[in-house]
Amino acid sequence: MNSVLQLVGAGPGDPELITLKALKAIAAADVILYDALANEDLLLHARSTCIKQFVGKRYGCHALSQQEINQLIIEYASSHRRIVRLKGGDPFVFGRALEEIEAAKQQGIAVEVIPGISSAVAVPASMMIPLTARGINESFWVTTGTTQSGRISDDIRLAARSSATVVILMAMSKLEEIMEVFASYGKSETPVAIIQDGTTPKAKMVTGTVRDIVFKAQYAGLGNPAIIVVGDVVKLSPALADAISIIPSSERQKA
């Protein structure tokens, strides 16, 4: 059987924030293996005969190990033609897609990647926080909060030294430690936003500074899944009353 594995980006949470090509793949799938961050409403586009299996992983709760997921892909491909691996956000942004691609290719299974809208970009945008803004910053970083060993990424320290916006994924368990890194580079007053369940009806955002965001997040009861945004662009959110004050005057005149 000529089977194909399609790694499909499910987008940031809102089931309408998905590409047309991704929806077509879901509709044609014989098997869908979906993650915790993939909105289950997307499964409504699948055929009634499609096998739908949850294989989600979240901090502190793994339904299956990565090796078990790889084995499932291989097993289903021996008896079904189209296997969709539905991943939250984009498959190639901290989605461990390469491990699944390697497992499939070793068994002669064809692979296709269908990119998705990454939560790293879409979630801040949903709260009207631009990752770049003329006169404020020229770049942005996207980094994970923790490495495979459980330590915070060394890239956090590199990012904290720059003037770039820093978007940190999978980092709530290390929030205090990460903010200490930013503070150590003189960023205590740098604005921070934490957005939980972004782009969904349950979305909640808390804003503050490097100095006080840990307390504010704890008080608000924020947890995973959440995205942390560090940088002056956070002040541009309409949620903050002083947003207009840091927009360059030339840009205000054009508005």
Protein backbone atom coordinates (compact mmCIF):
# COMPACT_ATOMS: atom_id res chain seq x y z
CA MET A 1 0.00 0.00 0.00
CA ASN A 2 1.32 3.44 -0.97
CA SER A 3 0.64 5.28 2.28
CA VAL A 4 1.34 8.93 2.98
CA LEU A 5 1.87 10.70 6.29
CA GLN A 6 0.68 14.30 6.27
CA LEU A 7 1.98 16.52 9.08
CA VAL A 8 -0.73 19.15 9.30
CA GLY A 9 -0.62 22.43 11.22
CA ALA A 10 -3.87 22.88 13.16
CA GLY A 11 -3.21 26.55 13.92
CA PRO A 12 -3.21 28.37 17.26
CA GLY A 13 -6.55 27.21 18.67
CA ASP A 14 -9.35 28.99 16.82
CA PRO A 15 -10.67 26.29 14.43
CA GLU A 16 -11.13 28.92 11.71
CA LEU A 17 -7.42 29.82 11.78
CA ILE A 18 -6.40 26.90 9.60
CA THR A 19 -5.41 26.71 5.95
CA LEU A 20 -7.68 25.44 3.20
CA LYS A 21 -5.08 22.81 2.29
CA ALA A 22 -5.10 21.54 5.88
CA LEU A 23 -8.89 21.21 5.86
CA LYS A 24 -8.72 19.23 2.62
CA ALA A 25 -6.19 16.86 4.18
CA ILE A 26 -8.41 16.34 7.22
CA ALA A 27 -11.42 15.67 4.99
CA ALA A 28 -9.52 13.04 3.00
CA ALA A 29 -7.81 11.30 5.94
CA ASP A 30 -8.26 7.66 6.80
CA VAL A 31 -6.61 8.17 10.19
CA ILE A 32 -6.06 11.33 12.25
CA LEU A 33 -3.65 11.36 15.17
CA TYR A 34 -4.21 14.66 16.94
CA ASP A 35 -2.46 16.63 19.66
CA ALA A 36 -3.81 18.29 22.79
CA LEU A 37 -3.40 21.75 21.24
CA ALA A 38 -5.35 20.87 18.08
CA ASN A 39 -8.95 22.06 18.40
CA GLU A 40 -11.20 19.00 18.31
CA ASP A 41 -13.78 20.94 16.27
CA LEU A 42 -11.45 20.38 13.32
CA LEU A 43 -12.31 16.69 13.49
CA LEU A 44 -15.83 17.56 12.36
CA HIS A 45 -14.37 18.02 8.87
CA ALA A 46 -13.26 14.38 8.79
CA ARG A 47 -15.22 11.55 7.24
CA SER A 48 -17.39 9.43 9.53
CA THR A 49 -15.24 6.40 8.70
CA CYS A 50 -12.00 8.16 9.68
CA ILE A 51 -10.17 6.81 12.73
CA LYS A 52 -9.50 9.66 15.17
CA GLN A 53 -7.03 9.02 17.98
CA PHE A 54 -5.82 11.45 20.61
CA VAL A 55 -2.06 11.30 21.12
CA GLY A 56 -1.64 14.58 22.93
CA LYS A 57 1.23 15.76 25.04
CA ARG A 58 1.11 18.59 27.54
CA TYR A 59 3.31 19.55 30.43
CA GLY A 60 2.82 16.94 33.15
CA CYS A 61 0.45 14.81 31.05
CA HIS A 62 1.60 12.61 28.19
CA ALA A 63 -1.02 10.39 26.58
CA LEU A 64 1.69 8.60 24.58
CA SER A 65 5.44 8.85 24.34
CA GLN A 66 7.00 10.09 21.12
CA GLN A 67 8.23 6.59 20.36
CA GLU A 68 4.70 5.22 20.79
CA ILE A 69 3.34 7.88 18.42
CA ASN A 70 5.98 6.97 15.84
CA GLN A 71 4.99 3.31 16.13
CA LEU A 72 1.29 4.16 15.71
CA ILE A 73 2.07 6.02 12.49
CA ILE A 74 3.89 2.99 11.13
CA GLU A 75 1.13 0.56 12.18
CA TYR A 76 -1.68 2.61 10.68
CA ALA A 77 0.28 3.15 7.47
CA SER A 78 0.41 -0.63 6.95
CA SER A 79 -3.39 -0.76 6.58
CA HIS A 80 -4.53 2.79 5.73
CA ARG A 81 -3.53 5.10 2.91
CA ARG A 82 -3.75 8.63 4.35
CA ILE A 83 -2.48 9.30 7.86
CA VAL A 84 -2.87 12.87 9.14
CA ARG A 85 -0.74 13.90 12.10
CA LEU A 86 -2.62 16.98 13.34
CA LYS A 87 -0.35 19.25 15.35
CA GLY A 88 -1.13 22.49 17.16
CA GLY A 89 0.28 25.61 15.52
CA ASP A 90 2.83 24.75 12.84
CA PRO A 91 4.39 21.27 12.68
CA PHE A 92 7.93 22.65 12.39
CA VAL A 93 7.74 25.03 15.38
CA PHE A 94 8.57 22.87 18.42
CA GLY A 95 6.36 20.13 17.01
CA ARG A 96 8.91 17.30 17.01
CA ALA A 97 7.94 16.72 13.40
CA LEU A 98 11.40 15.59 12.29
CA GLU A 99 11.27 12.57 14.59
CA GLU A 100 8.01 11.44 13.01
CA ILE A 101 9.28 12.12 9.50
CA GLU A 102 12.38 10.01 10.12
CA ALA A 103 10.31 7.14 11.52
CA ALA A 104 7.99 7.22 8.50
CA LYS A 105 10.75 7.43 5.91
CA GLN A 106 12.60 4.50 7.45
CA GLN A 107 9.50 2.44 6.65
CA GLY A 108 9.15 3.79 3.12
CA ILE A 109 6.15 5.95 3.98
CA ALA A 110 5.79 9.12 1.91
CA VAL A 111 5.65 12.36 3.89
CA GLU A 112 4.03 15.73 3.22
CA VAL A 113 4.12 18.80 5.46
CA ILE A 114 1.19 21.23 5.45
CA PRO A 115 2.28 24.35 7.35
CA GLY A 116 0.05 25.90 9.98
CA ILE A 117 -0.41 29.32 11.56
CA SER A 118 2.02 29.38 14.47
CA SER A 119 0.69 30.40 17.86
CA ALA A 120 3.95 32.32 18.35
CA VAL A 121 2.72 34.91 15.87
CA ALA A 122 -1.06 34.51 15.90
CA VAL A 123 -1.68 34.63 19.65
CA PRO A 124 0.02 38.01 20.23
CA ALA A 125 -1.71 39.34 17.09
CA SER A 126 -5.08 38.21 18.44
CA MET A 127 -4.47 40.56 21.38
CA MET A 128 -3.26 43.30 19.02
CA ILE A 129 0.35 42.98 20.10
CA PRO A 130 2.60 43.32 17.04
CA LEU A 131 5.89 41.47 17.24
CA THR A 132 7.63 44.27 15.36
CA ALA A 133 6.81 47.97 15.17
CA ARG A 134 8.74 50.71 13.41
CA GLY A 135 10.65 52.86 15.85
CA ILE A 136 10.41 50.25 18.62
CA ASN A 137 12.19 47.10 17.50
CA GLU A 138 13.57 45.43 14.39
CA SER A 139 13.25 41.73 15.12
CA PHE A 140 11.73 39.05 17.30
CA TRP A 141 12.86 35.80 18.84
CA VAL A 142 10.76 32.67 19.25
CA THR A 143 12.18 30.26 21.80
CA THR A 144 11.10 27.41 24.03
CA GLY A 145 11.18 27.91 27.75
CA THR A 146 12.76 24.57 28.59
CA THR A 147 15.15 22.21 26.88
CA GLN A 148 14.97 18.42 26.71
CA SER A 149 17.05 18.27 29.89
CA GLY A 150 14.52 20.41 31.77
CA ARG A 151 16.77 23.49 32.03
CA ILE A 152 15.79 26.84 30.59
CA SER A 153 17.19 27.40 27.14
CA ASP A 154 20.52 29.23 26.83
CA ASP A 155 18.85 31.18 24.02
CA ILE A 156 16.74 32.93 26.68
CA ARG A 157 19.91 34.59 27.95
CA LEU A 158 20.94 35.62 24.45
CA ALA A 159 17.48 37.00 23.72
CA ALA A 160 17.38 38.94 27.00
CA ARG A 161 20.43 40.93 25.92
CA SER A 162 18.82 42.14 22.71
CA SER A 163 16.23 44.82 21.91
CA ALA A 164 14.08 42.24 20.10
CA THR A 165 10.62 41.12 21.13
CA VAL A 166 10.95 37.71 22.77
CA VAL A 167 8.15 35.15 22.41
CA ILE A 168 8.55 32.18 24.75
CA LEU A 169 6.55 28.98 24.35
CA MET A 170 6.04 26.16 26.84
CA ALA A 171 7.53 28.19 29.66
CA MET A 172 5.00 28.71 32.45
CA SER A 173 6.72 26.22 34.74
CA LYS A 174 9.92 28.27 34.42
CA LEU A 175 8.35 31.74 34.46
CA GLU A 176 10.06 33.01 37.60
CA GLU A 177 13.48 31.74 36.54
CA ILE A 178 13.10 33.24 33.07
CA MET A 179 12.09 36.65 34.43
CA GLU A 180 15.15 36.58 36.69
CA VAL A 181 17.30 36.20 33.58
CA PHE A 182 15.73 39.27 31.96
CA ALA A 183 16.09 41.24 35.19
CA SER A 184 19.77 40.35 35.37
CA TYR A 185 20.26 42.16 32.05
CA GLY A 186 18.58 45.35 33.26
CA LYS A 187 15.13 44.54 31.89
CA SER A 188 13.11 44.71 35.12
CA GLU A 189 10.78 47.39 33.73
CA THR A 190 10.36 45.78 30.30
CA PRO A 191 6.69 45.08 29.54
CA VAL A 192 5.47 41.48 29.52
CA ALA A 193 2.22 39.88 28.40
CA ILE A 194 1.11 36.34 29.14
CA ILE A 195 -1.72 35.01 27.00
CA GLN A 196 -3.44 31.78 27.99
CA ASP A 197 -5.63 29.82 25.54
CA GLY A 198 -4.99 32.43 22.86
CA THR A 199 -7.44 32.82 19.93
CA THR A 200 -10.09 30.75 21.75
CA PRO A 201 -13.18 31.90 23.70
CA LYS A 202 -11.27 31.07 26.91
CA ALA A 203 -8.42 33.45 26.09
CA LYS A 204 -7.05 35.43 29.01
CA MET A 205 -4.23 37.97 29.03
CA VAL A 206 -2.29 39.45 31.92
CA THR A 207 0.20 42.27 31.39
CA GLY A 208 2.91 43.66 33.61
CA THR A 209 6.66 44.01 33.67
CA VAL A 210 9.54 41.60 34.15
CA ARG A 211 9.57 42.71 37.78
CA ASP A 212 5.94 41.92 38.63
CA ILE A 213 4.54 39.52 36.00
CA VAL A 214 5.18 36.39 38.08
CA PHE A 215 2.99 37.70 40.90
CA LYS A 216 0.31 38.88 38.46
CA ALA A 217 0.24 35.55 36.64
CA GLN A 218 -0.05 33.64 39.91
CA TYR A 219 -2.83 35.94 41.12
CA ALA A 220 -4.75 35.43 37.86
CA GLY A 221 -4.24 31.67 37.99
CA LEU A 222 -2.61 31.48 34.58
CA GLY A 223 -1.21 28.18 33.37
CA ASN A 224 -0.57 26.17 30.24
CA PRO A 225 -1.13 26.51 27.37
CA ALA A 226 0.20 30.05 27.42
CA ILE A 227 2.57 32.28 25.49
CA ILE A 228 4.89 34.83 27.07
CA VAL A 229 5.74 38.02 25.17
CA VAL A 230 8.55 40.22 26.47
CA GLY A 231 9.25 43.60 24.89
CA ASP A 232 8.15 47.21 24.44
CA VAL A 233 5.61 46.16 21.78
CA VAL A 234 3.41 44.88 24.62
CA LYS A 235 2.60 48.53 25.37
CA LEU A 236 0.89 48.76 21.99
CA SER A 237 -1.93 46.48 23.13
CA PRO A 238 -5.24 48.36 23.50
CA ALA A 239 -5.44 46.67 26.90
CA LEU A 240 -2.93 49.24 28.16
CA ALA A 241 -4.11 52.81 28.52
CA ASP A 242 -0.74 54.37 27.67
CA ALA A 243 -0.34 52.54 24.34
CA ILE A 244 -0.39 55.72 22.26
CA SER A 245 2.51 57.22 24.19
CA ILE A 246 5.17 55.02 22.65
CA ILE A 247 3.94 55.13 19.04
CA PRO A 248 6.24 57.43 17.07
CA SER A 249 4.52 60.76 16.37
CA SER A 250 5.09 60.39 12.64
CA GLU A 251 3.18 57.12 12.70
CA ARG A 252 0.31 58.61 14.74
CA GLN A 253 -0.14 61.31 12.08
CA LYS A 254 -0.57 58.65 9.41
CA ALA A 255 -3.18 56.75 11.40
